[in-house]
């Protein structure tokens, strides 16, 4: 089942076309990477999913229900984490989640139980300080707890790691991986390494449309080239390989790469064996998300 379906979505602001017939499907219980450059229209799309912006044309459905601008019926199924979440800084984390639960009509017993579970999940279980003293990473973690409070079927995260340091990014990504057991996650970002680490499915947004979409593993298989990476142990062997095989290319570190159509693996390995070259590794190169994205945005 698709938790989110977008069909033929158009949106312009003045003479600027932001979305130009966007089609997108997000499978249930996936972590879906919504990838695009800054200004590509990711945040605009998310606001339209939440019914906060009207579409010029097209349809959006969440959990099989149509999203209608200005009406919040489908938002009962959605949790939302903006890129810069805002809080009442005088509250503690427990007080803030209690407040959010009460204004959404949750039962007080359920609020207490659910708040405790989520604060433990995001690593704030023992935190008693007021939110004004929280770091950026702690606020992002509290934002995830708040977004999951009402057990949403779809969790929307708008660039949740963009302003965090490497440690903070890892913590947020680990939390999202654990949250996948509870919900479907739409994860907007331009940090491709984050997508490769946690996402099951991806879509590239470019020029107002999705240029490439599918399971990450399937996309990498489809775009895989017969290119190999070879890393000799000795630096002089790298130079020898580059001299003998004219189409080989040097890679970062102490290695070379080559295409099967230029030099067969058996030919290269025979050359290595005849000269007793010690190897650290030889492997078929997987296409990176960066290379795929550059291919999409610069065809």
C-alpha atoms as a PDB file:
ATOM      1  CA  UNK A   1       0.000   0.000   0.000  1.00  0.00           C
ATOM      2  CA  UNK A   2       1.158   3.562  -0.725  1.00  0.00           C
ATOM      3  CA  UNK A   3       0.954   5.774   2.368  1.00  0.00           C
ATOM      4  CA  UNK A   4       1.362   8.932   0.282  1.00  0.00           C
ATOM      5  CA  UNK A   5       0.368   9.480  -3.339  1.00  0.00           C
ATOM      6  CA  UNK A   6       0.846  12.705  -5.301  1.00  0.00           C
ATOM      7  CA  UNK A   7      -0.424  13.013  -8.870  1.00  0.00           C
ATOM      8  CA  UNK A   8       0.141  15.846 -11.364  1.00  0.00           C
ATOM      9  CA  UNK A   9       0.923  18.465  -8.722  1.00  0.00           C
ATOM     10  CA  UNK A  10       1.509  22.005 -10.022  1.00  0.00           C
ATOM     11  CA  UNK A  11       2.468  25.078  -8.037  1.00  0.00           C
ATOM     12  CA  UNK A  12       3.799  28.475  -9.037  1.00  0.00           C
ATOM     13  CA  UNK A  13       4.552  31.655  -7.145  1.00  0.00           C
ATOM     14  CA  UNK A  14       4.134  34.567  -9.549  1.00  0.00           C
ATOM     15  CA  UNK A  15       6.134  33.723 -12.650  1.00  0.00           C
ATOM     16  CA  UNK A  16       8.247  31.092 -10.868  1.00  0.00           C
ATOM     17  CA  UNK A  17       7.175  27.497 -11.486  1.00  0.00           C
ATOM     18  CA  UNK A  18       8.065  25.443  -8.400  1.00  0.00           C
ATOM     19  CA  UNK A  19       6.225  22.187  -9.151  1.00  0.00           C
ATOM     20  CA  UNK A  20       5.469  21.240 -12.737  1.00  0.00           C
ATOM     21  CA  UNK A  21       3.432  18.032 -12.653  1.00  0.00           C
ATOM     22  CA  UNK A  22       4.965  16.259  -9.648  1.00  0.00           C
ATOM     23  CA  UNK A  23       4.151  12.546  -9.311  1.00  0.00           C
ATOM     24  CA  UNK A  24       5.275  10.753  -6.145  1.00  0.00           C
ATOM     25  CA  UNK A  25       4.367   7.540  -4.316  1.00  0.00           C
ATOM     26  CA  UNK A  26       5.676   6.668  -0.858  1.00  0.00           C
ATOM     27  CA  UNK A  27       5.259   2.992   0.167  1.00  0.00           C
ATOM     28  CA  UNK A  28       4.021   2.144   3.648  1.00  0.00           C
ATOM     29  CA  UNK A  29       6.747   1.588   6.296  1.00  0.00           C
ATOM     30  CA  UNK A  30       9.507   2.939   4.069  1.00  0.00           C
ATOM     31  CA  UNK A  31      12.082   5.609   4.856  1.00  0.00           C
ATOM     32  CA  UNK A  32      11.684   7.680   1.736  1.00  0.00           C
ATOM     33  CA  UNK A  33      14.463  10.087   0.768  1.00  0.00           C
ATOM     34  CA  UNK A  34      13.053  13.150  -1.006  1.00  0.00           C
ATOM     35  CA  UNK A  35      16.183  14.598  -2.629  1.00  0.00           C
ATOM     36  CA  UNK A  36      16.684  17.950  -4.273  1.00  0.00           C
ATOM     37  CA  UNK A  37      18.855  21.018  -4.319  1.00  0.00           C
ATOM     38  CA  UNK A  38      18.044  23.942  -2.035  1.00  0.00           C
ATOM     39  CA  UNK A  39      15.029  25.697  -3.534  1.00  0.00           C
ATOM     40  CA  UNK A  40      13.939  22.664  -5.553  1.00  0.00           C
ATOM     41  CA  UNK A  41      10.447  22.665  -4.000  1.00  0.00           C
ATOM     42  CA  UNK A  42      10.779  20.053  -1.247  1.00  0.00           C
ATOM     43  CA  UNK A  43       9.391  22.269   1.525  1.00  0.00           C
ATOM     44  CA  UNK A  44       6.617  23.570  -0.750  1.00  0.00           C
ATOM     45  CA  UNK A  45       5.569  19.970  -1.448  1.00  0.00           C
ATOM     46  CA  UNK A  46       5.502  19.143   2.251  1.00  0.00           C
ATOM     47  CA  UNK A  47       3.388  22.186   3.106  1.00  0.00           C
ATOM     48  CA  UNK A  48       0.911  21.122   0.436  1.00  0.00           C
ATOM     49  CA  UNK A  49       0.792  17.590   1.897  1.00  0.00           C
ATOM     50  CA  UNK A  50      -0.119  19.231   5.224  1.00  0.00           C
ATOM     51  CA  UNK A  51      -2.858  21.306   3.555  1.00  0.00           C
ATOM     52  CA  UNK A  52      -1.060  24.569   4.353  1.00  0.00           C
ATOM     53  CA  UNK A  53      -0.642  25.656   0.724  1.00  0.00           C
ATOM     54  CA  UNK A  54      -3.185  25.332  -2.101  1.00  0.00           C
ATOM     55  CA  UNK A  55      -2.233  23.410  -5.233  1.00  0.00           C
ATOM     56  CA  UNK A  56      -2.733  25.051  -8.616  1.00  0.00           C
ATOM     57  CA  UNK A  57      -3.721  21.591  -9.855  1.00  0.00           C
ATOM     58  CA  UNK A  58      -3.143  17.946  -9.020  1.00  0.00           C
ATOM     59  CA  UNK A  59      -4.099  15.654  -6.140  1.00  0.00           C
ATOM     60  CA  UNK A  60      -2.530  14.480  -2.881  1.00  0.00           C
ATOM     61  CA  UNK A  61      -3.768  11.588  -0.755  1.00  0.00           C
ATOM     62  CA  UNK A  62      -2.521  10.315   2.611  1.00  0.00           C
ATOM     63  CA  UNK A  63      -3.552   6.855   3.731  1.00  0.00           C
ATOM     64  CA  UNK A  64      -6.069   6.775   0.887  1.00  0.00           C
ATOM     65  CA  UNK A  65      -7.745  10.070   1.930  1.00  0.00           C
ATOM     66  CA  UNK A  66      -7.607  13.180  -0.230  1.00  0.00           C
ATOM     67  CA  UNK A  67      -5.781  16.207   1.174  1.00  0.00           C
ATOM     68  CA  UNK A  68      -7.865  19.405   1.007  1.00  0.00           C
ATOM     69  CA  UNK A  69      -6.294  22.840   1.441  1.00  0.00           C
ATOM     70  CA  UNK A  70      -7.385  24.567   4.638  1.00  0.00           C
ATOM     71  CA  UNK A  71      -8.846  21.385   6.135  1.00  0.00           C
ATOM     72  CA  UNK A  72      -6.903  19.289   8.627  1.00  0.00           C
ATOM     73  CA  UNK A  73      -8.709  15.953   8.458  1.00  0.00           C
ATOM     74  CA  UNK A  74      -5.770  14.075   6.946  1.00  0.00           C
ATOM     75  CA  UNK A  75      -3.319  15.700   9.373  1.00  0.00           C
ATOM     76  CA  UNK A  76      -4.521  13.361  12.116  1.00  0.00           C
ATOM     77  CA  UNK A  77      -2.420  10.747  10.301  1.00  0.00           C
ATOM     78  CA  UNK A  78       0.670  12.973   9.934  1.00  0.00           C
ATOM     79  CA  UNK A  79       3.536  13.955  12.218  1.00  0.00           C
ATOM     80  CA  UNK A  80       5.682  16.873  11.082  1.00  0.00           C
ATOM     81  CA  UNK A  81       9.235  17.929  11.951  1.00  0.00           C
ATOM     82  CA  UNK A  82      10.236  21.241  10.289  1.00  0.00           C
ATOM     83  CA  UNK A  83      13.873  22.054   9.600  1.00  0.00           C
ATOM     84  CA  UNK A  84      13.900  24.538  12.511  1.00  0.00           C
ATOM     85  CA  UNK A  85      11.331  23.418  15.112  1.00  0.00           C
ATOM     86  CA  UNK A  86      10.085  26.040  17.578  1.00  0.00           C
ATOM     87  CA  UNK A  87       9.153  25.411  21.209  1.00  0.00           C
ATOM     88  CA  UNK A  88       7.983  27.213  24.328  1.00  0.00           C
ATOM     89  CA  UNK A  89      11.409  27.625  25.871  1.00  0.00           C
ATOM     90  CA  UNK A  90      10.129  27.949  29.467  1.00  0.00           C
ATOM     91  CA  UNK A  91       8.745  24.397  29.393  1.00  0.00           C
ATOM     92  CA  UNK A  92      10.530  21.135  30.048  1.00  0.00           C
ATOM     93  CA  UNK A  93      10.369  18.329  27.481  1.00  0.00           C
ATOM     94  CA  UNK A  94       7.719  16.490  29.522  1.00  0.00           C
ATOM     95  CA  UNK A  95       5.611  19.643  29.899  1.00  0.00           C
ATOM     96  CA  UNK A  96       5.834  20.388  26.189  1.00  0.00           C
ATOM     97  CA  UNK A  97       4.693  16.907  25.145  1.00  0.00           C
ATOM     98  CA  UNK A  98       1.865  17.062  27.689  1.00  0.00           C
ATOM     99  CA  UNK A  99       0.775  20.400  26.222  1.00  0.00           C
ATOM    100  CA  UNK A 100       0.865  19.021  22.646  1.00  0.00           C
ATOM    101  CA  UNK A 101      -1.094  15.945  23.670  1.00  0.00           C
ATOM    102  CA  UNK A 102      -3.781  17.992  25.438  1.00  0.00           C
ATOM    103  CA  UNK A 103      -4.402  20.383  22.523  1.00  0.00           C
ATOM    104  CA  UNK A 104      -4.814  17.407  20.162  1.00  0.00           C
ATOM    105  CA  UNK A 105      -7.335  15.767  22.491  1.00  0.00           C
ATOM    106  CA  UNK A 106      -5.281  12.790  23.654  1.00  0.00           C
ATOM    107  CA  UNK A 107      -6.234  10.973  26.871  1.00  0.00           C
ATOM    108  CA  UNK A 108      -4.108  12.097  29.848  1.00  0.00           C
ATOM    109  CA  UNK A 109      -3.047   8.557  30.687  1.00  0.00           C
ATOM    110  CA  UNK A 110      -2.031   7.948  27.076  1.00  0.00           C
ATOM    111  CA  UNK A 111      -0.124  11.261  27.018  1.00  0.00           C
ATOM    112  CA  UNK A 112       1.940  10.245  30.046  1.00  0.00           C
ATOM    113  CA  UNK A 113       2.664   6.752  28.736  1.00  0.00           C
ATOM    114  CA  UNK A 114       3.437   7.869  25.202  1.00  0.00           C
ATOM    115  CA  UNK A 115       5.614  10.797  26.334  1.00  0.00           C
ATOM    116  CA  UNK A 116       7.737   8.512  28.476  1.00  0.00           C
ATOM    117  CA  UNK A 117       8.211   6.015  25.619  1.00  0.00           C
ATOM    118  CA  UNK A 118       9.175   8.695  23.111  1.00  0.00           C
ATOM    119  CA  UNK A 119      11.539  10.619  25.378  1.00  0.00           C
ATOM    120  CA  UNK A 120      13.381   7.353  26.006  1.00  0.00           C
ATOM    121  CA  UNK A 121      13.432   6.660  22.249  1.00  0.00           C
ATOM    122  CA  UNK A 122      15.026  10.031  21.465  1.00  0.00           C
ATOM    123  CA  UNK A 123      17.449   9.967  24.393  1.00  0.00           C
ATOM    124  CA  UNK A 124      15.768  12.616  26.545  1.00  0.00           C
ATOM    125  CA  UNK A 125      14.248  10.312  29.146  1.00  0.00           C
ATOM    126  CA  UNK A 126      16.229  11.725  32.049  1.00  0.00           C
ATOM    127  CA  UNK A 127      16.258  15.362  30.863  1.00  0.00           C
ATOM    128  CA  UNK A 128      14.702  17.777  33.377  1.00  0.00           C
ATOM    129  CA  UNK A 129      16.099  21.113  32.145  1.00  0.00           C
ATOM    130  CA  UNK A 130      13.954  23.695  30.412  1.00  0.00           C
ATOM    131  CA  UNK A 131      13.980  23.721  26.611  1.00  0.00           C
ATOM    132  CA  UNK A 132      15.746  27.108  26.492  1.00  0.00           C
ATOM    133  CA  UNK A 133      18.928  25.301  27.559  1.00  0.00           C
ATOM    134  CA  UNK A 134      18.679  22.607  24.875  1.00  0.00           C
ATOM    135  CA  UNK A 135      21.252  22.276  22.102  1.00  0.00           C
ATOM    136  CA  UNK A 136      20.146  22.214  18.447  1.00  0.00           C
ATOM    137  CA  UNK A 137      20.425  18.428  18.412  1.00  0.00           C
ATOM    138  CA  UNK A 138      18.331  18.066  21.572  1.00  0.00           C
ATOM    139  CA  UNK A 139      15.634  20.275  20.049  1.00  0.00           C
ATOM    140  CA  UNK A 140      15.591  18.124  16.910  1.00  0.00           C
ATOM    141  CA  UNK A 141      15.201  15.015  19.065  1.00  0.00           C
ATOM    142  CA  UNK A 142      12.351  16.606  21.015  1.00  0.00           C
ATOM    143  CA  UNK A 143      10.787  17.614  17.686  1.00  0.00           C
ATOM    144  CA  UNK A 144      10.782  13.969  16.574  1.00  0.00           C
ATOM    145  CA  UNK A 145       9.162  12.923  19.871  1.00  0.00           C
ATOM    146  CA  UNK A 146       6.453  15.558  19.401  1.00  0.00           C
ATOM    147  CA  UNK A 147       5.857  14.515  15.780  1.00  0.00           C
ATOM    148  CA  UNK A 148       5.405  10.870  16.828  1.00  0.00           C
ATOM    149  CA  UNK A 149       3.196  11.627  19.844  1.00  0.00           C
ATOM    150  CA  UNK A 150      -0.160  10.813  18.220  1.00  0.00           C
ATOM    151  CA  UNK A 151       1.151   7.663  16.507  1.00  0.00           C
ATOM    152  CA  UNK A 152       1.056   9.097  12.957  1.00  0.00           C
ATOM    153  CA  UNK A 153       0.963   6.865   9.919  1.00  0.00           C
ATOM    154  CA  UNK A 154       3.260   9.296   8.078  1.00  0.00           C
ATOM    155  CA  UNK A 155       6.169  11.212   9.612  1.00  0.00           C
ATOM    156  CA  UNK A 156       7.402  14.152   7.515  1.00  0.00           C
ATOM    157  CA  UNK A 157      10.915  15.389   8.283  1.00  0.00           C
ATOM    158  CA  UNK A 158      12.035  18.527   6.450  1.00  0.00           C
ATOM    159  CA  UNK A 159      15.863  18.502   6.327  1.00  0.00           C
ATOM    160  CA  UNK A 160      16.173  17.411   9.996  1.00  0.00           C
ATOM    161  CA  UNK A 161      19.987  17.062   9.912  1.00  0.00           C
ATOM    162  CA  UNK A 162      20.996  20.050   7.761  1.00  0.00           C
ATOM    163  CA  UNK A 163      22.323  22.245  10.598  1.00  0.00           C
ATOM    164  CA  UNK A 164      23.718  19.536  12.879  1.00  0.00           C
ATOM    165  CA  UNK A 165      27.291  18.440  13.489  1.00  0.00           C
ATOM    166  CA  UNK A 166      28.307  14.846  12.567  1.00  0.00           C
ATOM    167  CA  UNK A 167      27.454  13.486  16.031  1.00  0.00           C
ATOM    168  CA  UNK A 168      24.049  15.166  16.055  1.00  0.00           C
ATOM    169  CA  UNK A 169      23.309  13.950  12.528  1.00  0.00           C
ATOM    170  CA  UNK A 170      24.119  10.364  13.485  1.00  0.00           C
ATOM    171  CA  UNK A 171      21.859  10.560  16.539  1.00  0.00           C
ATOM    172  CA  UNK A 172      18.900  11.846  14.494  1.00  0.00           C
ATOM    173  CA  UNK A 173      19.401   9.252  11.746  1.00  0.00           C
ATOM    174  CA  UNK A 174      19.557   6.445  14.334  1.00  0.00           C
ATOM    175  CA  UNK A 175      16.291   7.680  15.848  1.00  0.00           C
ATOM    176  CA  UNK A 176      14.591   7.755  12.438  1.00  0.00           C
ATOM    177  CA  UNK A 177      15.746   4.188  11.787  1.00  0.00           C
ATOM    178  CA  UNK A 178      14.104   3.072  15.044  1.00  0.00           C
ATOM    179  CA  UNK A 179      10.957   5.103  14.288  1.00  0.00           C
ATOM    180  CA  UNK A 180      10.439   3.190  11.045  1.00  0.00           C
ATOM    181  CA  UNK A 181       8.918   0.366  13.098  1.00  0.00           C
ATOM    182  CA  UNK A 182       6.088   2.731  14.056  1.00  0.00           C
ATOM    183  CA  UNK A 183       5.453   4.770  10.914  1.00  0.00           C
ATOM    184  CA  UNK A 184       6.304   5.667   7.307  1.00  0.00           C
ATOM    185  CA  UNK A 185       8.938   8.408   6.992  1.00  0.00           C
ATOM    186  CA  UNK A 186       9.243  11.035   4.260  1.00  0.00           C
ATOM    187  CA  UNK A 187      12.738  12.432   4.692  1.00  0.00           C
ATOM    188  CA  UNK A 188      13.580  15.604   2.783  1.00  0.00           C
ATOM    189  CA  UNK A 189      17.277  16.426   2.422  1.00  0.00           C
ATOM    190  CA  UNK A 190      20.130  17.513   0.190  1.00  0.00           C
ATOM    191  CA  UNK A 191      22.702  15.558   2.255  1.00  0.00           C
ATOM    192  CA  UNK A 192      23.119  12.455   0.105  1.00  0.00           C
ATOM    193  CA  UNK A 193      25.223  10.489   2.589  1.00  0.00           C
ATOM    194  CA  UNK A 194      22.288  10.607   5.053  1.00  0.00           C
ATOM    195  CA  UNK A 195      19.997   9.136   2.405  1.00  0.00           C
ATOM    196  CA  UNK A 196      22.399   6.299   1.624  1.00  0.00           C
ATOM    197  CA  UNK A 197      22.648   5.474   5.314  1.00  0.00           C
ATOM    198  CA  UNK A 198      18.970   5.071   6.221  1.00  0.00           C
ATOM    199  CA  UNK A 199      16.607   5.311   3.227  1.00  0.00           C
ATOM    200  CA  UNK A 200      14.885   2.360   1.574  1.00  0.00           C
ATOM    201  CA  UNK A 201      13.387   4.410  -1.278  1.00  0.00           C
ATOM    202  CA  UNK A 202      14.346   7.690  -2.972  1.00  0.00           C
ATOM    203  CA  UNK A 203      13.058  10.298  -5.399  1.00  0.00           C
ATOM    204  CA  UNK A 204      15.098  13.033  -7.110  1.00  0.00           C
ATOM    205  CA  UNK A 205      13.247  16.343  -7.480  1.00  0.00           C
ATOM    206  CA  UNK A 206      14.506  18.534 -10.324  1.00  0.00           C
ATOM    207  CA  UNK A 207      12.849  21.296 -12.349  1.00  0.00           C
ATOM    208  CA  UNK A 208       9.557  20.747 -10.559  1.00  0.00           C
ATOM    209  CA  UNK A 209       9.218  17.036 -11.358  1.00  0.00           C
ATOM    210  CA  UNK A 210      10.514  13.742 -10.008  1.00  0.00           C
ATOM    211  CA  UNK A 211      13.290  12.719 -12.394  1.00  0.00           C
ATOM    212  CA  UNK A 212      14.065   9.364 -10.780  1.00  0.00           C
ATOM    213  CA  UNK A 213      12.182   7.319  -8.175  1.00  0.00           C
ATOM    214  CA  UNK A 214      12.269   3.818  -6.708  1.00  0.00           C
ATOM    215  CA  UNK A 215      13.897   1.530  -4.194  1.00  0.00           C
ATOM    216  CA  UNK A 216      17.449   2.639  -3.539  1.00  0.00           C
ATOM    217  CA  UNK A 217      18.832  -0.858  -4.074  1.00  0.00           C
ATOM    218  CA  UNK A 218      16.998  -1.241  -7.409  1.00  0.00           C
ATOM    219  CA  UNK A 219      18.178   2.145  -8.664  1.00  0.00           C
ATOM    220  CA  UNK A 220      21.794   1.334  -7.844  1.00  0.00           C
ATOM    221  CA  UNK A 221      21.478  -2.001  -9.615  1.00  0.00           C
ATOM    222  CA  UNK A 222      19.909  -0.409 -12.700  1.00  0.00           C
ATOM    223  CA  UNK A 223      22.582   2.270 -12.968  1.00  0.00           C
ATOM    224  CA  UNK A 224      25.487   0.013 -12.079  1.00  0.00           C
ATOM    225  CA  UNK A 225      28.337   0.127 -14.556  1.00  0.00           C
ATOM    226  CA  UNK A 226      30.903  -2.592 -15.152  1.00  0.00           C
ATOM    227  CA  UNK A 227      33.596  -0.509 -13.497  1.00  0.00           C
ATOM    228  CA  UNK A 228      36.101  -1.932 -11.030  1.00  0.00           C
ATOM    229  CA  UNK A 229      38.353  -0.519  -8.342  1.00  0.00           C
ATOM    230  CA  UNK A 230      41.789  -2.016  -7.731  1.00  0.00           C
ATOM    231  CA  UNK A 231      43.997  -1.052  -4.781  1.00  0.00           C
ATOM    232  CA  UNK A 232      47.592  -2.362  -4.830  1.00  0.00           C
ATOM    233  CA  UNK A 233      49.601  -2.378  -1.634  1.00  0.00           C
ATOM    234  CA  UNK A 234      52.604  -0.608  -3.177  1.00  0.00           C
ATOM    235  CA  UNK A 235      52.567   2.838  -4.733  1.00  0.00           C
ATOM    236  CA  UNK A 236      54.972   1.842  -7.496  1.00  0.00           C
ATOM    237  CA  UNK A 237      52.477  -0.804  -8.653  1.00  0.00           C
ATOM    238  CA  UNK A 238      49.846   1.909  -9.134  1.00  0.00           C
ATOM    239  CA  UNK A 239      52.180   3.734 -11.497  1.00  0.00           C
ATOM    240  CA  UNK A 240      52.944   0.501 -13.356  1.00  0.00           C
ATOM    241  CA  UNK A 241      49.248  -0.285 -13.855  1.00  0.00           C
ATOM    242  CA  UNK A 242      48.509   3.218 -15.146  1.00  0.00           C
ATOM    243  CA  UNK A 243      51.417   2.960 -17.608  1.00  0.00           C
ATOM    244  CA  UNK A 244      50.454  -0.485 -18.952  1.00  0.00           C
ATOM    245  CA  UNK A 245      46.654  -0.034 -19.090  1.00  0.00           C
ATOM    246  CA  UNK A 246      46.126   3.270 -20.858  1.00  0.00           C
ATOM    247  CA  UNK A 247      42.441   3.749 -19.997  1.00  0.00           C
ATOM    248  CA  UNK A 248      42.825   3.115 -16.261  1.00  0.00           C
ATOM    249  CA  UNK A 249      42.163   6.133 -14.032  1.00  0.00           C
ATOM    250  CA  UNK A 250      43.732   7.015 -10.676  1.00  0.00           C
ATOM    251  CA  UNK A 251      41.352   7.127  -7.719  1.00  0.00           C
ATOM    252  CA  UNK A 252      41.573   8.766  -4.318  1.00  0.00           C
ATOM    253  CA  UNK A 253      44.135   7.126  -2.107  1.00  0.00           C
ATOM    254  CA  UNK A 254      46.287   4.412  -3.632  1.00  0.00           C
ATOM    255  CA  UNK A 255      44.042   2.878  -6.244  1.00  0.00           C
ATOM    256  CA  UNK A 256      42.937   2.767  -9.871  1.00  0.00           C
ATOM    257  CA  UNK A 257      39.648   2.127 -11.668  1.00  0.00           C
ATOM    258  CA  UNK A 258      38.827   0.622 -15.053  1.00  0.00           C
ATOM    259  CA  UNK A 259      35.874  -0.443 -17.191  1.00  0.00           C
ATOM    260  CA  UNK A 260      35.305  -4.069 -18.152  1.00  0.00           C
ATOM    261  CA  UNK A 261      34.789  -3.007 -21.768  1.00  0.00           C
ATOM    262  CA  UNK A 262      38.322  -1.545 -21.842  1.00  0.00           C
ATOM    263  CA  UNK A 263      40.157  -4.231 -19.862  1.00  0.00           C
ATOM    264  CA  UNK A 264      38.685  -7.505 -18.638  1.00  0.00           C
ATOM    265  CA  UNK A 265      39.053  -8.365 -14.973  1.00  0.00           C
ATOM    266  CA  UNK A 266      40.877 -11.567 -15.896  1.00  0.00           C
ATOM    267  CA  UNK A 267      43.364  -9.623 -18.038  1.00  0.00           C
ATOM    268  CA  UNK A 268      44.115  -7.205 -15.198  1.00  0.00           C
ATOM    269  CA  UNK A 269      44.406  -9.956 -12.586  1.00  0.00           C
ATOM    270  CA  UNK A 270      46.736 -11.935 -14.874  1.00  0.00           C
ATOM    271  CA  UNK A 271      48.988  -8.892 -15.152  1.00  0.00           C
ATOM    272  CA  UNK A 272      48.926  -8.487 -11.342  1.00  0.00           C
ATOM    273  CA  UNK A 273      49.673 -12.177 -10.724  1.00  0.00           C
ATOM    274  CA  UNK A 274      52.534 -12.312 -13.239  1.00  0.00           C
ATOM    275  CA  UNK A 275      54.269  -9.497 -11.367  1.00  0.00           C
ATOM    276  CA  UNK A 276      53.409 -10.723  -7.866  1.00  0.00           C
ATOM    277  CA  UNK A 277      51.659  -7.480  -6.954  1.00  0.00           C
ATOM    278  CA  UNK A 278      50.175  -7.627  -3.435  1.00  0.00           C
ATOM    279  CA  UNK A 279      46.592  -6.285  -3.448  1.00  0.00           C
ATOM    280  CA  UNK A 280      44.560  -4.702  -0.688  1.00  0.00           C
ATOM    281  CA  UNK A 281      41.261  -4.999  -2.561  1.00  0.00           C
ATOM    282  CA  UNK A 282      39.494  -5.348  -5.887  1.00  0.00           C
ATOM    283  CA  UNK A 283      35.777  -4.675  -6.148  1.00  0.00           C
ATOM    284  CA  UNK A 284      33.032  -3.710  -8.554  1.00  0.00           C
ATOM    285  CA  UNK A 285      32.166  -0.057  -8.028  1.00  0.00           C
ATOM    286  CA  UNK A 286      28.604   0.808  -7.000  1.00  0.00           C
ATOM    287  CA  UNK A 287      27.155   4.059  -8.356  1.00  0.00           C
ATOM    288  CA  UNK A 288      26.983   6.675  -5.599  1.00  0.00           C
ATOM    289  CA  UNK A 289      23.892   8.766  -4.986  1.00  0.00           C
ATOM    290  CA  UNK A 290      26.019  11.792  -5.751  1.00  0.00           C
ATOM    291  CA  UNK A 291      26.875  10.506  -9.217  1.00  0.00           C
ATOM    292  CA  UNK A 292      23.242   9.543  -9.874  1.00  0.00           C
ATOM    293  CA  UNK A 293      21.996  12.931  -8.700  1.00  0.00           C
ATOM    294  CA  UNK A 294      24.509  14.805 -10.862  1.00  0.00           C
ATOM    295  CA  UNK A 295      23.402  12.686 -13.832  1.00  0.00           C
ATOM    296  CA  UNK A 296      19.789  13.681 -13.189  1.00  0.00           C
ATOM    297  CA  UNK A 297      20.378  17.415 -12.681  1.00  0.00           C
ATOM    298  CA  UNK A 298      23.046  17.700 -15.417  1.00  0.00           C
ATOM    299  CA  UNK A 299      21.927  15.299 -18.193  1.00  0.00           C
END
